[in-house]
C-alpha atoms as a PDB file:
ATOM      1  CA  GLN A   1     -87.749  37.842  84.118  1.00  0.00           C
ATOM      2  CA  VAL A   2     -84.210  36.837  83.207  1.00  0.00           C
ATOM      3  CA  GLN A   3     -81.538  39.495  83.305  1.00  0.00           C
ATOM      4  CA  LEU A   4     -77.778  39.486  83.004  1.00  0.00           C
ATOM      5  CA  VAL A   5     -76.328  42.993  83.128  1.00  0.00           C
ATOM      6  CA  GLU A   6     -72.596  43.453  82.655  1.00  0.00           C
ATOM      7  CA  SER A   7     -70.580  46.465  83.716  1.00  0.00           C
ATOM      8  CA  GLY A   8     -66.986  47.473  84.366  1.00  0.00           C
ATOM      9  CA  GLY A   9     -65.525  47.486  80.879  1.00  0.00           C
ATOM     10  CA  GLY A  10     -63.409  50.307  79.536  1.00  0.00           C
ATOM     11  CA  LEU A  11     -60.038  51.385  78.216  1.00  0.00           C
ATOM     12  CA  VAL A  12     -56.922  50.299  80.090  1.00  0.00           C
ATOM     13  CA  GLN A  13     -53.214  50.367  79.345  1.00  0.00           C
ATOM     14  CA  PRO A  14     -51.229  47.141  78.897  1.00  0.00           C
ATOM     15  CA  GLY A  15     -50.380  45.675  82.274  1.00  0.00           C
ATOM     16  CA  GLY A  16     -53.414  47.256  83.882  1.00  0.00           C
ATOM     17  CA  SER A  17     -56.451  45.734  85.592  1.00  0.00           C
ATOM     18  CA  LEU A  18     -60.210  45.794  85.267  1.00  0.00           C
ATOM     19  CA  LYS A  19     -62.998  44.102  87.187  1.00  0.00           C
ATOM     20  CA  LEU A  20     -66.125  43.135  85.307  1.00  0.00           C
ATOM     21  CA  SER A  21     -69.440  42.573  87.052  1.00  0.00           C
ATOM     22  CA  CYS A  22     -72.507  40.662  85.946  1.00  0.00           C
ATOM     23  CA  ALA A  23     -75.666  41.269  87.922  1.00  0.00           C
ATOM     24  CA  ALA A  24     -77.905  38.252  87.439  1.00  0.00           C
ATOM     25  CA  SER A  25     -81.544  37.904  88.283  1.00  0.00           C
ATOM     26  CA  ALA A  26     -81.925  35.730  91.346  1.00  0.00           C
ATOM     27  CA  ASN A  27     -84.137  33.157  89.659  1.00  0.00           C
ATOM     28  CA  ILE A  28     -81.353  32.343  87.213  1.00  0.00           C
ATOM     29  CA  PHE A  29     -78.334  32.700  89.476  1.00  0.00           C
ATOM     30  CA  SER A  30     -79.576  30.000  91.826  1.00  0.00           C
ATOM     31  CA  ILE A  31     -79.952  27.333  89.133  1.00  0.00           C
ATOM     32  CA  SER A  32     -77.086  28.110  86.783  1.00  0.00           C
ATOM     33  CA  ASN A  33     -73.429  27.673  86.257  1.00  0.00           C
ATOM     34  CA  MET A  34     -71.945  31.004  85.242  1.00  0.00           C
ATOM     35  CA  ALA A  35     -69.274  31.963  82.754  1.00  0.00           C
ATOM     36  CA  TRP A  36     -67.553  34.797  80.961  1.00  0.00           C
ATOM     37  CA  TYR A  37     -66.973  34.682  77.219  1.00  0.00           C
ATOM     38  CA  ARG A  38     -65.315  37.186  74.932  1.00  0.00           C
ATOM     39  CA  GLN A  39     -65.404  38.011  71.260  1.00  0.00           C
ATOM     40  CA  ALA A  40     -62.710  39.990  69.517  1.00  0.00           C
ATOM     41  CA  PRO A  41     -63.326  41.665  66.128  1.00  0.00           C
ATOM     42  CA  GLY A  42     -63.297  39.091  63.351  1.00  0.00           C
ATOM     43  CA  LYS A  43     -63.020  36.183  65.762  1.00  0.00           C
ATOM     44  CA  GLU A  44     -65.402  33.650  67.215  1.00  0.00           C
ATOM     45  CA  ARG A  45     -66.734  33.967  70.722  1.00  0.00           C
ATOM     46  CA  GLU A  46     -64.504  32.081  73.138  1.00  0.00           C
ATOM     47  CA  LEU A  47     -64.897  30.826  76.668  1.00  0.00           C
ATOM     48  CA  VAL A  48     -62.772  32.732  79.177  1.00  0.00           C
ATOM     49  CA  ALA A  49     -63.753  31.318  82.565  1.00  0.00           C
ATOM     50  CA  THR A  50     -66.475  29.297  84.224  1.00  0.00           C
ATOM     51  CA  ILE A  51     -67.687  28.961  87.793  1.00  0.00           C
ATOM     52  CA  LEU A  52     -70.054  26.243  88.895  1.00  0.00           C
ATOM     53  CA  TYR A  53     -72.707  26.805  91.532  1.00  0.00           C
ATOM     54  CA  SER A  54     -70.410  24.886  93.885  1.00  0.00           C
ATOM     55  CA  GLY A  55     -67.709  27.471  93.311  1.00  0.00           C
ATOM     56  CA  SER A  56     -65.406  25.308  91.213  1.00  0.00           C
ATOM     57  CA  THR A  57     -63.669  27.309  88.507  1.00  0.00           C
ATOM     58  CA  ASN A  58     -62.015  26.708  85.163  1.00  0.00           C
ATOM     59  CA  TYR A  59     -60.053  29.033  82.874  1.00  0.00           C
ATOM     60  CA  ALA A  60     -58.901  29.274  79.308  1.00  0.00           C
ATOM     61  CA  ASP A  61     -55.157  28.714  79.035  1.00  0.00           C
ATOM     62  CA  SER A  62     -54.691  32.239  77.702  1.00  0.00           C
ATOM     63  CA  VAL A  63     -55.953  33.830  80.927  1.00  0.00           C
ATOM     64  CA  LYS A  64     -54.798  31.383  83.618  1.00  0.00           C
ATOM     65  CA  GLY A  65     -52.931  33.146  86.367  1.00  0.00           C
ATOM     66  CA  ARG A  66     -54.188  36.565  85.254  1.00  0.00           C
ATOM     67  CA  PHE A  67     -57.991  36.393  85.498  1.00  0.00           C
ATOM     68  CA  THR A  68     -60.145  35.317  88.434  1.00  0.00           C
ATOM     69  CA  ILE A  69     -63.840  34.496  88.264  1.00  0.00           C
ATOM     70  CA  SER A  70     -65.979  34.615  91.384  1.00  0.00           C
ATOM     71  CA  ARG A  71     -69.636  34.654  92.353  1.00  0.00           C
ATOM     72  CA  GLU A  72     -71.318  36.415  95.234  1.00  0.00           C
ATOM     73  CA  TYR A  73     -74.442  34.586  96.333  1.00  0.00           C
ATOM     74  CA  ALA A  74     -75.918  37.381  98.463  1.00  0.00           C
ATOM     75  CA  THR A  75     -76.047  39.834  95.557  1.00  0.00           C
ATOM     76  CA  THR A  76     -76.354  37.234  92.737  1.00  0.00           C
ATOM     77  CA  THR A  77     -73.374  38.803  90.993  1.00  0.00           C
ATOM     78  CA  VAL A  78     -70.531  37.222  89.058  1.00  0.00           C
ATOM     79  CA  TYR A  79     -67.185  38.963  88.747  1.00  0.00           C
ATOM     80  CA  LEU A  80     -64.186  38.687  86.476  1.00  0.00           C
ATOM     81  CA  GLN A  81     -61.036  40.243  87.890  1.00  0.00           C
ATOM     82  CA  MET A  82     -58.590  40.805  85.043  1.00  0.00           C
ATOM     83  CA  ASN A  83     -54.960  41.587  85.798  1.00  0.00           C
ATOM     84  CA  SER A  84     -51.902  42.026  83.595  1.00  0.00           C
ATOM     85  CA  LEU A  85     -54.116  42.884  80.664  1.00  0.00           C
ATOM     86  CA  GLN A  86     -52.635  42.706  77.188  1.00  0.00           C
ATOM     87  CA  PRO A  87     -53.802  44.067  73.827  1.00  0.00           C
ATOM     88  CA  GLU A  88     -54.917  40.571  72.824  1.00  0.00           C
ATOM     89  CA  ASP A  89     -57.454  40.680  75.671  1.00  0.00           C
ATOM     90  CA  THR A  90     -59.327  43.397  73.786  1.00  0.00           C
ATOM     91  CA  ALA A  91     -62.842  42.136  73.105  1.00  0.00           C
ATOM     92  CA  VAL A  92     -66.473  42.414  74.034  1.00  0.00           C
ATOM     93  CA  TYR A  93     -66.959  40.375  77.202  1.00  0.00           C
ATOM     94  CA  TYR A  94     -70.232  38.555  77.737  1.00  0.00           C
ATOM     95  CA  CYS A  95     -71.747  37.081  80.861  1.00  0.00           C
ATOM     96  CA  ASN A  96     -73.378  33.682  80.412  1.00  0.00           C
ATOM     97  CA  ALA A  97     -75.699  31.633  82.583  1.00  0.00           C
ATOM     98  CA  ARG A  98     -76.217  27.966  81.770  1.00  0.00           C
ATOM     99  CA  ARG A  99     -79.019  26.337  83.657  1.00  0.00           C
ATOM    100  CA  PHE A 100     -78.183  22.941  85.097  1.00  0.00           C
ATOM    101  CA  ASP A 101     -81.780  21.702  85.124  1.00  0.00           C
ATOM    102  CA  VAL A 102     -82.586  22.252  81.445  1.00  0.00           C
ATOM    103  CA  SER A 103     -80.488  23.004  78.370  1.00  0.00           C
ATOM    104  CA  ILE A 104     -80.936  26.782  78.271  1.00  0.00           C
ATOM    105  CA  ASN A 105     -78.334  29.519  77.989  1.00  0.00           C
ATOM    106  CA  TYR A 106     -78.757  33.186  78.815  1.00  0.00           C
ATOM    107  CA  TRP A 107     -76.513  36.025  77.663  1.00  0.00           C
ATOM    108  CA  GLY A 108     -75.854  39.547  78.759  1.00  0.00           C
ATOM    109  CA  GLN A 109     -75.532  42.458  76.352  1.00  0.00           C
ATOM    110  CA  GLY A 110     -71.738  42.558  76.577  1.00  0.00           C
ATOM    111  CA  THR A 111     -69.218  45.094  77.803  1.00  0.00           C
ATOM    112  CA  GLN A 112     -66.263  46.384  75.787  1.00  0.00           C
ATOM    113  CA  VAL A 113     -62.736  45.944  77.105  1.00  0.00           C
ATOM    114  CA  THR A 114     -59.971  47.716  75.201  1.00  0.00           C
ATOM    115  CA  VAL A 115     -56.324  47.310  76.125  1.00  0.00           C
ATOM    116  CA  SER A 116     -54.194  49.903  74.428  1.00  0.00           C
ATOM    117  CA  SER A 117     -51.469  52.414  75.130  1.00  0.00           C
END
Protein backbone atom coordinates (compact mmCIF):
# COMPACT_ATOMS: atom_id res chain seq x y z
CA GLN A 1 0.00 0.00 0.00
CA VAL A 2 1.25 3.45 -0.95
CA GLN A 3 0.97 6.20 1.62
CA LEU A 4 2.23 9.74 1.86
CA VAL A 5 1.03 11.48 5.02
CA GLU A 6 1.91 15.13 5.55
CA SER A 7 1.89 16.95 8.86
CA GLY A 8 3.26 20.11 10.44
CA GLY A 9 1.23 22.79 8.74
CA GLY A 10 -0.45 25.62 10.60
CA LEU A 11 -0.67 29.35 11.16
CA VAL A 12 2.54 31.32 11.60
CA GLN A 13 3.41 35.00 11.66
CA PRO A 14 5.58 36.56 8.94
CA GLY A 15 9.22 35.83 9.62
CA GLY A 16 8.38 32.64 11.48
CA SER A 17 9.27 29.01 10.79
CA LEU A 18 7.51 25.72 10.26
CA LYS A 19 8.75 22.21 9.57
CA LEU A 20 6.62 19.96 7.42
CA SER A 21 6.91 16.18 7.52
CA CYS A 22 5.89 13.56 5.00
CA ALA A 23 5.80 9.99 6.22
CA ALA A 24 6.16 7.74 3.20
CA SER A 25 5.54 4.05 2.97
CA ALA A 26 8.84 2.23 2.75
CA ASN A 27 8.07 0.53 -0.55
CA ILE A 28 7.77 3.91 -2.24
CA PHE A 29 10.47 5.83 -0.40
CA SER A 30 13.18 3.43 -1.52
CA ILE A 31 12.43 3.78 -5.24
CA SER A 32 11.39 7.41 -5.55
CA ASN A 33 12.68 10.90 -5.80
CA MET A 34 10.73 13.08 -3.40
CA ALA A 35 9.41 16.61 -3.64
CA TRP A 36 7.24 19.25 -2.05
CA TYR A 37 4.73 21.21 -4.09
CA ARG A 38 2.35 23.94 -3.05
CA GLN A 39 -0.88 25.40 -4.34
CA ALA A 40 -2.17 28.79 -3.33
CA PRO A 41 -5.84 29.77 -3.82
CA GLY A 42 -6.54 30.53 -7.46
CA LYS A 43 -3.08 29.47 -8.57
CA GLU A 44 -1.58 26.40 -10.16
CA ARG A 45 0.35 23.86 -8.16
CA GLU A 46 4.04 24.71 -8.19
CA LEU A 47 7.20 22.82 -7.39
CA VAL A 48 8.90 24.03 -4.21
CA ALA A 49 11.80 21.63 -3.68
CA THR A 50 13.04 18.24 -4.78
CA ILE A 51 15.41 15.70 -3.27
CA LEU A 52 16.75 12.76 -5.21
CA TYR A 53 17.37 9.39 -3.61
CA SER A 54 21.06 10.32 -3.70
CA GLY A 55 20.33 13.35 -1.55
CA SER A 56 20.82 15.98 -4.24
CA THR A 57 18.42 18.88 -3.83
CA ASN A 58 16.89 21.60 -5.95
CA TYR A 59 14.71 24.59 -5.02
CA ALA A 60 12.37 27.06 -6.61
CA ASP A 61 13.94 30.50 -6.82
CA SER A 62 11.25 31.91 -4.54
CA VAL A 63 12.32 29.71 -1.61
CA LYS A 64 16.09 29.40 -2.09
CA GLY A 65 17.95 30.27 1.07
CA ARG A 66 14.80 30.00 3.19
CA PHE A 67 13.57 26.42 2.76
CA THR A 68 15.49 23.17 3.21
CA ILE A 69 14.34 19.76 2.03
CA SER A 70 15.76 16.61 3.57
CA ARG A 71 15.02 12.90 3.73
CA GLU A 72 15.57 10.48 6.57
CA TYR A 73 16.14 6.96 5.29
CA ALA A 74 15.66 5.16 8.61
CA THR A 75 12.13 6.49 9.09
CA THR A 76 11.28 6.97 5.36
CA THR A 77 10.32 10.57 6.06
CA VAL A 78 10.83 13.70 4.01
CA TYR A 79 11.00 17.10 5.66
CA LEU A 80 10.63 20.69 4.54
CA GLN A 81 12.11 23.21 6.94
CA MET A 82 10.64 26.63 6.14
CA ASN A 83 12.23 29.75 7.60
CA SER A 84 11.55 33.45 7.11
CA LEU A 85 8.03 32.68 6.01
CA GLN A 86 6.11 35.36 4.16
CA PRO A 87 2.40 35.78 3.36
CA GLU A 88 3.08 34.69 -0.22
CA ASP A 89 4.14 31.29 1.12
CA THR A 90 0.55 30.67 2.18
CA ALA A 91 -0.68 27.56 0.38
CA VAL A 92 -1.57 23.92 0.71
CA TYR A 93 1.70 21.98 0.66
CA TYR A 94 1.77 18.55 -0.93
CA CYS A 95 4.29 15.76 -0.65
CA ASN A 96 5.12 14.00 -3.91
CA ALA A 97 6.92 10.77 -4.71
CA ARG A 98 8.06 10.13 -8.27
CA ARG A 99 9.23 6.63 -8.92
CA PHE A 100 12.45 6.39 -10.89
CA ASP A 101 11.71 2.94 -12.30
CA VAL A 102 8.34 3.70 -13.91
CA SER A 103 6.47 6.91 -14.71
CA ILE A 104 4.21 7.03 -11.65
CA ASN A 105 3.57 9.88 -9.23
CA TYR A 106 2.07 9.65 -5.77
CA TRP A 107 0.58 12.52 -3.77
CA GLY A 108 -0.22 13.15 -0.16
CA GLN A 109 -3.44 14.77 1.01
CA GLY A 110 -1.82 18.15 1.63
CA THR A 111 -1.26 20.31 4.68
CA GLN A 112 -2.29 23.95 5.00
CA VAL A 113 0.33 26.60 5.72
CA THR A 114 -0.95 30.10 6.48
CA VAL A 115 1.40 33.01 7.03
CA SER A 116 -0.41 35.95 8.52
CA SER A 117 -0.14 38.49 11.29
